[in-house]
């Protein structure tokens, strides 16, 4: 699928490349998180850019350019597998974040981008502190479709499934706010996710980006503007029509998910 998207873009003429890192897809990719990578690649192509997807697993070198980083969720075992490699990359990741590289970290990597994750058995996995937060494993599991409210992105719709409860540091901006007890970051303070500059962390699986075009476009615009100075889509009429069709499908999917009981 990714090869087909890249070939389609290249066949239409010279297109500016955007290098997207898929971080730890072997071990941190559950509940459809790879769909976020497919969504970014497809939307980049429809905007007239050339998506270059780099799957970075343990020990793999960074590509020459890093314009966006997408990471998924994983079980505690997956987090333990990648933790040493994550710390080896920590300085680079902090530098990317400080330089404005947009990132989306889902569930397990959201936790490890915080200060630490203490698992339910008492094991402490130190994080890399890009996001001011810490997570504690609990017996209660938060699971189901979820709608959260965000001033920046409007209503965000996804699927949470986690027993880790995340608490944000004072002053850290949540990605959104939830209405119901027992949902979101910790089931207590009505926050969900976090946003630090262009870095987003969230528990939203589902995949998140196919149902939330506003977040996809935020990541894309941030990546393009950082690399090229401005975001100037070079769309054909066919690509514009296809993007409109995809957004209409996303709107229907959002409606279904928002009305499906937890």
Protein backbone atom coordinates (compact mmCIF):
# COMPACT_ATOMS: atom_id res chain seq x y z
CA UNK A 1 0.00 0.00 0.00
CA UNK A 2 2.76 2.46 0.91
CA UNK A 3 4.70 1.58 -2.26
CA UNK A 4 1.60 2.23 -4.35
CA UNK A 5 1.03 5.63 -2.72
CA UNK A 6 4.63 6.70 -3.30
CA UNK A 7 4.61 5.46 -6.92
CA UNK A 8 1.37 7.34 -7.63
CA UNK A 9 2.84 10.59 -6.36
CA UNK A 10 6.11 10.22 -8.24
CA UNK A 11 4.32 9.39 -11.51
CA UNK A 12 2.52 12.74 -11.37
CA UNK A 13 5.76 14.70 -11.63
CA UNK A 14 8.43 16.06 -9.33
CA UNK A 15 7.08 16.30 -5.80
CA UNK A 16 8.76 17.61 -2.65
CA UNK A 17 9.64 14.74 -0.30
CA UNK A 18 8.51 14.48 3.32
CA UNK A 19 10.35 11.89 5.40
CA UNK A 20 8.11 10.11 7.92
CA UNK A 21 9.53 7.78 10.57
CA UNK A 22 7.38 4.89 11.74
CA UNK A 23 8.96 4.19 15.13
CA UNK A 24 9.19 0.57 16.34
CA UNK A 25 6.49 -0.89 14.08
CA UNK A 26 7.55 -4.47 14.98
CA UNK A 27 6.95 -4.14 18.71
CA UNK A 28 4.73 -1.07 19.13
CA UNK A 29 1.86 -1.51 16.71
CA UNK A 30 -1.40 -2.81 18.16
CA UNK A 31 -5.07 -1.95 17.63
CA UNK A 32 -4.45 -0.68 14.10
CA UNK A 33 -1.85 1.97 14.88
CA UNK A 34 -0.11 1.32 11.54
CA UNK A 35 -3.18 2.90 9.96
CA UNK A 36 -1.85 6.26 11.13
CA UNK A 37 1.19 5.83 8.89
CA UNK A 38 -0.98 4.87 5.91
CA UNK A 39 -3.22 7.88 6.49
CA UNK A 40 -0.33 10.35 6.61
CA UNK A 41 1.21 8.84 3.49
CA UNK A 42 -2.07 9.01 1.58
CA UNK A 43 -2.88 12.59 2.58
CA UNK A 44 0.65 13.77 1.81
CA UNK A 45 0.31 12.28 -1.67
CA UNK A 46 -3.09 13.88 -2.23
CA UNK A 47 -1.62 17.25 -1.24
CA UNK A 48 1.08 16.76 -3.90
CA UNK A 49 4.01 15.80 -1.67
CA UNK A 50 6.10 12.63 -1.89
CA UNK A 51 5.82 10.57 1.32
CA UNK A 52 9.02 8.71 2.20
CA UNK A 53 8.24 6.20 4.94
CA UNK A 54 11.08 4.85 7.09
CA UNK A 55 10.38 1.93 9.43
CA UNK A 56 12.80 2.32 12.33
CA UNK A 57 13.14 -0.64 14.67
CA UNK A 58 15.77 -1.46 17.27
CA UNK A 59 19.26 -0.71 15.99
CA UNK A 60 18.17 0.89 12.72
CA UNK A 61 19.86 4.19 11.79
CA UNK A 62 17.89 7.40 11.43
CA UNK A 63 17.23 8.47 7.84
CA UNK A 64 19.03 11.52 6.46
CA UNK A 65 15.88 13.63 7.00
CA UNK A 66 13.27 13.32 9.75
CA UNK A 67 10.17 15.43 9.14
CA UNK A 68 7.61 13.53 11.23
CA UNK A 69 7.65 10.64 13.71
CA UNK A 70 4.70 8.30 14.33
CA UNK A 71 4.74 5.74 17.14
CA UNK A 72 2.17 3.19 18.26
CA UNK A 73 1.08 1.29 21.30
CA UNK A 74 2.28 -1.99 22.71
CA UNK A 75 1.90 -4.29 25.66
CA UNK A 76 4.26 -4.07 28.63
CA UNK A 77 6.45 -6.72 26.99
CA UNK A 78 6.80 -4.59 23.87
CA UNK A 79 7.76 -1.57 25.92
CA UNK A 80 10.44 -3.56 27.74
CA UNK A 81 11.84 -4.77 24.40
CA UNK A 82 12.38 -1.30 22.97
CA UNK A 83 13.30 0.65 26.11
CA UNK A 84 17.10 0.36 25.75
CA UNK A 85 16.97 1.45 22.12
CA UNK A 86 14.61 4.28 23.01
CA UNK A 87 17.08 5.61 25.56
CA UNK A 88 19.89 5.35 23.00
CA UNK A 89 17.79 7.63 20.78
CA UNK A 90 16.57 9.89 23.59
CA UNK A 91 18.89 12.82 22.89
CA UNK A 92 18.00 12.74 19.19
CA UNK A 93 14.28 12.57 19.95
CA UNK A 94 14.50 15.47 22.40
CA UNK A 95 16.41 17.50 19.81
CA UNK A 96 13.81 16.69 17.13
CA UNK A 97 11.01 17.72 19.48
CA UNK A 98 12.75 20.97 20.42
CA UNK A 99 13.28 21.73 16.73
CA UNK A 100 9.58 21.40 15.97
CA UNK A 101 9.41 17.95 14.37
CA UNK A 102 5.76 16.88 14.67
CA UNK A 103 5.22 13.58 16.48
CA UNK A 104 2.26 11.40 17.34
CA UNK A 105 2.80 8.84 20.10
CA UNK A 106 0.03 6.37 20.91
CA UNK A 107 -0.53 4.57 24.23
CA UNK A 108 2.66 2.69 25.11
CA UNK A 109 5.00 5.19 23.47
CA UNK A 110 2.94 8.05 24.92
CA UNK A 111 3.73 6.58 28.33
CA UNK A 112 7.45 6.21 27.57
CA UNK A 113 7.65 9.77 26.27
CA UNK A 114 6.76 10.80 29.82
CA UNK A 115 8.95 10.61 32.94
CA UNK A 116 8.23 6.98 33.80
CA UNK A 117 5.75 4.11 33.62
CA UNK A 118 5.31 1.95 36.71
CA UNK A 119 3.70 -1.30 35.61
CA UNK A 120 1.04 -3.10 37.61
CA UNK A 121 3.68 -5.54 38.95
CA UNK A 122 5.74 -2.64 40.30
CA UNK A 123 8.38 -2.59 37.54
CA UNK A 124 9.47 0.95 36.74
CA UNK A 125 10.29 1.83 33.13
CA UNK A 126 11.93 5.24 32.98
CA UNK A 127 10.78 7.46 30.13
CA UNK A 128 12.56 10.10 28.09
CA UNK A 129 10.60 13.09 29.50
CA UNK A 130 9.60 14.79 26.27
CA UNK A 131 6.08 14.98 27.71
CA UNK A 132 5.69 16.08 31.34
CA UNK A 133 3.70 13.13 32.67
CA UNK A 134 4.00 9.87 34.56
CA UNK A 135 1.97 6.66 34.38
CA UNK A 136 1.02 4.07 36.99
CA UNK A 137 -0.49 0.67 36.16
CA UNK A 138 -3.81 -0.06 37.87
CA UNK A 139 -6.29 -2.96 38.04
CA UNK A 140 -9.09 -0.98 36.39
CA UNK A 141 -9.02 -0.98 32.59
CA UNK A 142 -10.37 1.92 30.54
CA UNK A 143 -11.69 0.55 27.28
CA UNK A 144 -14.11 1.67 24.58
CA UNK A 145 -14.91 4.36 22.04
CA UNK A 146 -14.30 7.86 23.31
CA UNK A 147 -15.08 11.44 22.30
CA UNK A 148 -12.91 14.20 23.72
CA UNK A 149 -13.16 17.92 23.21
CA UNK A 150 -10.26 20.03 21.97
CA UNK A 151 -10.09 23.74 21.23
CA UNK A 152 -7.40 23.12 18.59
CA UNK A 153 -8.85 20.08 16.79
CA UNK A 154 -12.54 20.09 17.65
CA UNK A 155 -13.99 16.79 18.85
CA UNK A 156 -11.46 13.95 18.68
CA UNK A 157 -12.81 10.41 18.33
CA UNK A 158 -10.90 7.20 18.98
CA UNK A 159 -10.73 3.97 20.94
CA UNK A 160 -8.95 3.69 24.28
CA UNK A 161 -7.76 0.43 25.83
CA UNK A 162 -5.34 0.85 28.74
CA UNK A 163 -4.90 0.11 32.43
CA UNK A 164 -2.08 2.61 32.87
CA UNK A 165 -3.25 5.85 34.44
CA UNK A 166 -1.34 8.91 33.26
CA UNK A 167 -1.05 12.12 35.25
CA UNK A 168 0.17 15.32 33.59
CA UNK A 169 2.61 17.70 35.25
CA UNK A 170 1.18 21.11 36.22
CA UNK A 171 0.96 23.33 33.16
CA UNK A 172 1.08 20.51 30.59
CA UNK A 173 -1.71 20.92 28.03
CA UNK A 174 -3.96 17.87 27.57
CA UNK A 175 -4.85 16.90 24.03
CA UNK A 176 -8.50 17.08 24.99
CA UNK A 177 -11.04 16.78 27.78
CA UNK A 178 -13.55 14.01 28.37
CA UNK A 179 -17.01 14.25 29.87
CA UNK A 180 -17.25 10.93 31.67
CA UNK A 181 -15.57 9.50 34.74
CA UNK A 182 -13.43 6.45 34.16
CA UNK A 183 -12.10 7.57 30.78
CA UNK A 184 -9.14 9.49 29.42
CA UNK A 185 -5.68 9.75 30.95
CA UNK A 186 -6.57 8.47 34.38
CA UNK A 187 -10.33 8.35 34.83
CA UNK A 188 -10.23 11.14 37.42
CA UNK A 189 -9.33 14.58 36.09
CA UNK A 190 -11.17 14.48 32.71
CA UNK A 191 -7.98 14.98 30.69
CA UNK A 192 -6.89 12.82 27.76
CA UNK A 193 -3.52 12.82 26.05
CA UNK A 194 -1.05 15.66 26.03
CA UNK A 195 0.38 18.17 23.59
CA UNK A 196 3.81 19.76 23.95
CA UNK A 197 4.54 22.07 21.00
CA UNK A 198 4.23 19.76 17.95
CA UNK A 199 4.37 16.52 19.98
CA UNK A 200 1.06 14.75 20.64
CA UNK A 201 0.62 11.84 23.02
CA UNK A 202 -2.70 10.02 23.35
CA UNK A 203 -4.38 6.76 24.29
CA UNK A 204 -6.55 6.92 21.16
CA UNK A 205 -6.23 3.82 18.98
CA UNK A 206 -8.63 2.92 16.30
CA UNK A 207 -6.64 4.07 14.19
CA UNK A 208 -6.74 7.69 15.34
CA UNK A 209 -5.82 9.58 12.18
CA UNK A 210 -8.30 8.11 9.65
CA UNK A 211 -11.17 9.39 11.81
CA UNK A 212 -9.52 12.71 12.70
CA UNK A 213 -8.37 14.58 9.56
CA UNK A 214 -7.75 17.76 11.56
CA UNK A 215 -4.93 16.08 13.48
CA UNK A 216 -3.52 14.51 10.31
CA UNK A 217 -3.41 17.89 8.62
CA UNK A 218 -1.82 19.53 11.67
CA UNK A 219 1.01 17.00 11.55
CA UNK A 220 1.41 17.37 7.80
CA UNK A 221 1.34 21.16 7.77
CA UNK A 222 3.81 21.32 10.67
CA UNK A 223 6.20 18.95 8.90
CA UNK A 224 6.01 20.73 5.55
CA UNK A 225 6.35 24.24 6.98
CA UNK A 226 9.31 23.21 9.10
CA UNK A 227 11.16 21.77 6.09
CA UNK A 228 10.11 24.09 3.29
CA UNK A 229 8.89 27.25 5.01
CA UNK A 230 5.30 27.09 3.75
CA UNK A 231 2.58 24.56 3.06
CA UNK A 232 1.51 24.83 -0.58
CA UNK A 233 -0.52 21.85 -1.80
CA UNK A 234 -0.08 21.03 -5.48
CA UNK A 235 -3.24 19.08 -6.06
CA UNK A 236 -4.85 17.91 -9.26
CA UNK A 237 -8.63 18.14 -9.45
CA UNK A 238 -8.74 14.36 -9.07
CA UNK A 239 -6.64 14.43 -5.90
CA UNK A 240 -8.75 17.22 -4.40
CA UNK A 241 -11.90 15.24 -5.13
CA UNK A 242 -10.39 12.11 -3.60
CA UNK A 243 -9.43 14.00 -0.43
CA UNK A 244 -12.99 15.31 -0.17
CA UNK A 245 -14.32 11.77 -0.57
CA UNK A 246 -11.98 10.45 2.14
CA UNK A 247 -13.03 13.21 4.54
CA UNK A 248 -16.69 12.34 3.94
CA UNK A 249 -15.98 8.72 4.85
CA UNK A 250 -14.13 9.89 7.95
CA UNK A 251 -17.16 11.94 8.98
CA UNK A 252 -19.38 8.86 8.73
CA UNK A 253 -16.90 6.77 10.72
CA UNK A 254 -16.79 9.45 13.42
CA UNK A 255 -20.57 9.40 13.71
CA UNK A 256 -20.69 5.62 14.05
CA UNK A 257 -17.88 5.51 16.64
CA UNK A 258 -19.33 8.38 18.67
CA UNK A 259 -22.68 6.63 18.95
CA UNK A 260 -21.39 3.13 19.63
CA UNK A 261 -21.70 2.18 23.31
CA UNK A 262 -18.55 1.61 25.32
